[in-house]
Amino acid sequence: MAIAEITRKIQSDKGTVKGPPCTVCAFIGSLTDKEAVALNELLSDPAVRYSTLAESISDDPDYDVRFDAGTISRHVRGRCSARQKLR
């Protein structure tokens, strides 16, 4: 496949959302601005483990959401529909 063909394919795929909606994005959207900023700081911090963060959020009685480390990881690495790489 020529580079021009690869470029055309990538350009045509850019607007396509693949896979299920990102539960982390939806959760961030449900938070107050202050909470969302604080969570994004945690998500961006390489010292914070995905598993610890997922467990902490899932166990918090204030939030009706369940995450696993893979979901957090996918969001942080920019592999979800937001395409925002945090680490």
C-alpha atoms as a PDB file:
ATOM      1  CA  MET A   1       0.000   0.000   0.000  1.00  0.00           C
ATOM      2  CA  ALA A   2       1.418   3.364  -0.994  1.00  0.00           C
ATOM      3  CA  ILE A   3       1.819   6.152   1.560  1.00  0.00           C
ATOM      4  CA  ALA A   4      -0.805   8.209  -0.285  1.00  0.00           C
ATOM      5  CA  GLU A   5      -3.331   5.396   0.135  1.00  0.00           C
ATOM      6  CA  ILE A   6      -2.493   5.020   3.832  1.00  0.00           C
ATOM      7  CA  THR A   7      -2.885   8.776   4.283  1.00  0.00           C
ATOM      8  CA  ARG A   8      -6.316   8.717   2.593  1.00  0.00           C
ATOM      9  CA  LYS A   9      -7.455   5.827   4.802  1.00  0.00           C
ATOM     10  CA  ILE A  10      -6.306   7.562   7.972  1.00  0.00           C
ATOM     11  CA  GLN A  11      -7.990  10.815   6.951  1.00  0.00           C
ATOM     12  CA  SER A  12     -11.275   9.040   6.215  1.00  0.00           C
ATOM     13  CA  ASP A  13     -11.171   7.185   9.572  1.00  0.00           C
ATOM     14  CA  LYS A  14     -10.508  10.304  11.678  1.00  0.00           C
ATOM     15  CA  GLY A  15     -14.154  11.141  12.333  1.00  0.00           C
ATOM     16  CA  THR A  16     -15.186   7.545  12.968  1.00  0.00           C
ATOM     17  CA  VAL A  17     -15.818   6.608  16.581  1.00  0.00           C
ATOM     18  CA  LYS A  18     -15.012   2.958  17.073  1.00  0.00           C
ATOM     19  CA  GLY A  19     -16.006   0.714  19.917  1.00  0.00           C
ATOM     20  CA  PRO A  20     -18.233   1.380  22.899  1.00  0.00           C
ATOM     21  CA  PRO A  21     -18.501   4.851  24.412  1.00  0.00           C
ATOM     22  CA  CYS A  22     -15.799   5.665  26.949  1.00  0.00           C
ATOM     23  CA  THR A  23     -17.197   5.318  30.464  1.00  0.00           C
ATOM     24  CA  VAL A  24     -14.384   7.479  31.840  1.00  0.00           C
ATOM     25  CA  CYS A  25     -15.338  10.328  29.462  1.00  0.00           C
ATOM     26  CA  ALA A  26     -18.995   9.973  30.490  1.00  0.00           C
ATOM     27  CA  PHE A  27     -18.030   9.945  34.166  1.00  0.00           C
ATOM     28  CA  ILE A  28     -15.866  13.063  33.802  1.00  0.00           C
ATOM     29  CA  GLY A  29     -18.780  14.769  32.056  1.00  0.00           C
ATOM     30  CA  SER A  30     -20.995  14.076  35.063  1.00  0.00           C
ATOM     31  CA  LEU A  31     -18.602  15.708  37.540  1.00  0.00           C
ATOM     32  CA  THR A  32     -18.413  19.310  38.654  1.00  0.00           C
ATOM     33  CA  ASP A  33     -15.684  21.350  36.972  1.00  0.00           C
ATOM     34  CA  LYS A  34     -13.559  21.204  40.132  1.00  0.00           C
ATOM     35  CA  GLU A  35     -13.913  17.412  40.406  1.00  0.00           C
ATOM     36  CA  ALA A  36     -13.189  16.942  36.699  1.00  0.00           C
ATOM     37  CA  VAL A  37      -9.974  18.973  36.953  1.00  0.00           C
ATOM     38  CA  ALA A  38      -8.883  16.986  40.019  1.00  0.00           C
ATOM     39  CA  LEU A  39      -9.600  13.658  38.289  1.00  0.00           C
ATOM     40  CA  ASN A  40      -7.729  14.717  35.146  1.00  0.00           C
ATOM     41  CA  GLU A  41      -4.732  15.592  37.330  1.00  0.00           C
ATOM     42  CA  LEU A  42      -4.848  12.109  38.846  1.00  0.00           C
ATOM     43  CA  LEU A  43      -5.220  10.519  35.424  1.00  0.00           C
ATOM     44  CA  SER A  44      -2.215  12.496  34.164  1.00  0.00           C
ATOM     45  CA  ASP A  45       0.022  11.598  37.113  1.00  0.00           C
ATOM     46  CA  PRO A  46       2.322   8.689  36.186  1.00  0.00           C
ATOM     47  CA  ALA A  47       2.767   7.898  39.899  1.00  0.00           C
ATOM     48  CA  VAL A  48      -0.927   6.956  40.183  1.00  0.00           C
ATOM     49  CA  ARG A  49      -1.607   3.344  39.245  1.00  0.00           C
ATOM     50  CA  TYR A  50      -4.574   2.629  36.994  1.00  0.00           C
ATOM     51  CA  SER A  51      -5.731  -0.193  39.262  1.00  0.00           C
ATOM     52  CA  THR A  52      -5.622   1.975  42.391  1.00  0.00           C
ATOM     53  CA  LEU A  53      -7.557   4.761  40.726  1.00  0.00           C
ATOM     54  CA  ALA A  54     -10.158   2.387  39.275  1.00  0.00           C
ATOM     55  CA  GLU A  55     -10.658   0.685  42.622  1.00  0.00           C
ATOM     56  CA  SER A  56     -10.884   3.967  44.525  1.00  0.00           C
ATOM     57  CA  ILE A  57     -13.522   5.432  42.218  1.00  0.00           C
ATOM     58  CA  SER A  58     -15.501   2.183  42.042  1.00  0.00           C
ATOM     59  CA  ASP A  59     -15.519   1.803  45.837  1.00  0.00           C
ATOM     60  CA  ASP A  60     -16.568   5.409  46.525  1.00  0.00           C
ATOM     61  CA  PRO A  61     -20.234   5.436  47.603  1.00  0.00           C
ATOM     62  CA  ASP A  62     -20.696   8.935  46.133  1.00  0.00           C
ATOM     63  CA  TYR A  63     -20.285   7.570  42.594  1.00  0.00           C
ATOM     64  CA  ASP A  64     -22.436   4.972  40.876  1.00  0.00           C
ATOM     65  CA  VAL A  65     -19.780   3.746  38.460  1.00  0.00           C
ATOM     66  CA  ARG A  66     -17.486   0.720  38.166  1.00  0.00           C
ATOM     67  CA  PHE A  67     -14.129   0.910  36.414  1.00  0.00           C
ATOM     68  CA  ASP A  68     -11.365  -1.585  35.880  1.00  0.00           C
ATOM     69  CA  ALA A  69      -7.705  -0.747  35.252  1.00  0.00           C
ATOM     70  CA  GLY A  70      -8.061  -1.446  31.518  1.00  0.00           C
ATOM     71  CA  THR A  71     -10.801   1.147  31.121  1.00  0.00           C
ATOM     72  CA  ILE A  72      -8.714   3.788  32.894  1.00  0.00           C
ATOM     73  CA  SER A  73      -5.639   2.813  30.880  1.00  0.00           C
ATOM     74  CA  ARG A  74      -7.454   3.055  27.549  1.00  0.00           C
ATOM     75  CA  HIS A  75      -8.711   6.552  28.404  1.00  0.00           C
ATOM     76  CA  VAL A  76      -5.330   7.785  29.692  1.00  0.00           C
ATOM     77  CA  ARG A  77      -3.461   6.489  26.637  1.00  0.00           C
ATOM     78  CA  GLY A  78      -5.867   8.276  24.293  1.00  0.00           C
ATOM     79  CA  ARG A  79      -7.387   5.066  22.949  1.00  0.00           C
ATOM     80  CA  CYS A  80     -10.976   6.117  23.602  1.00  0.00           C
ATOM     81  CA  SER A  81     -13.247   8.373  21.586  1.00  0.00           C
ATOM     82  CA  ALA A  82     -11.819  11.492  23.279  1.00  0.00           C
ATOM     83  CA  ARG A  83      -8.383  10.781  21.768  1.00  0.00           C
ATOM     84  CA  GLN A  84      -6.785  12.846  24.545  1.00  0.00           C
ATOM     85  CA  LYS A  85      -3.481  11.308  25.569  1.00  0.00           C
ATOM     86  CA  LEU A  86      -2.808  12.122  29.226  1.00  0.00           C
ATOM     87  CA  ARG A  87       0.379  10.105  29.787  1.00  0.00           C
END
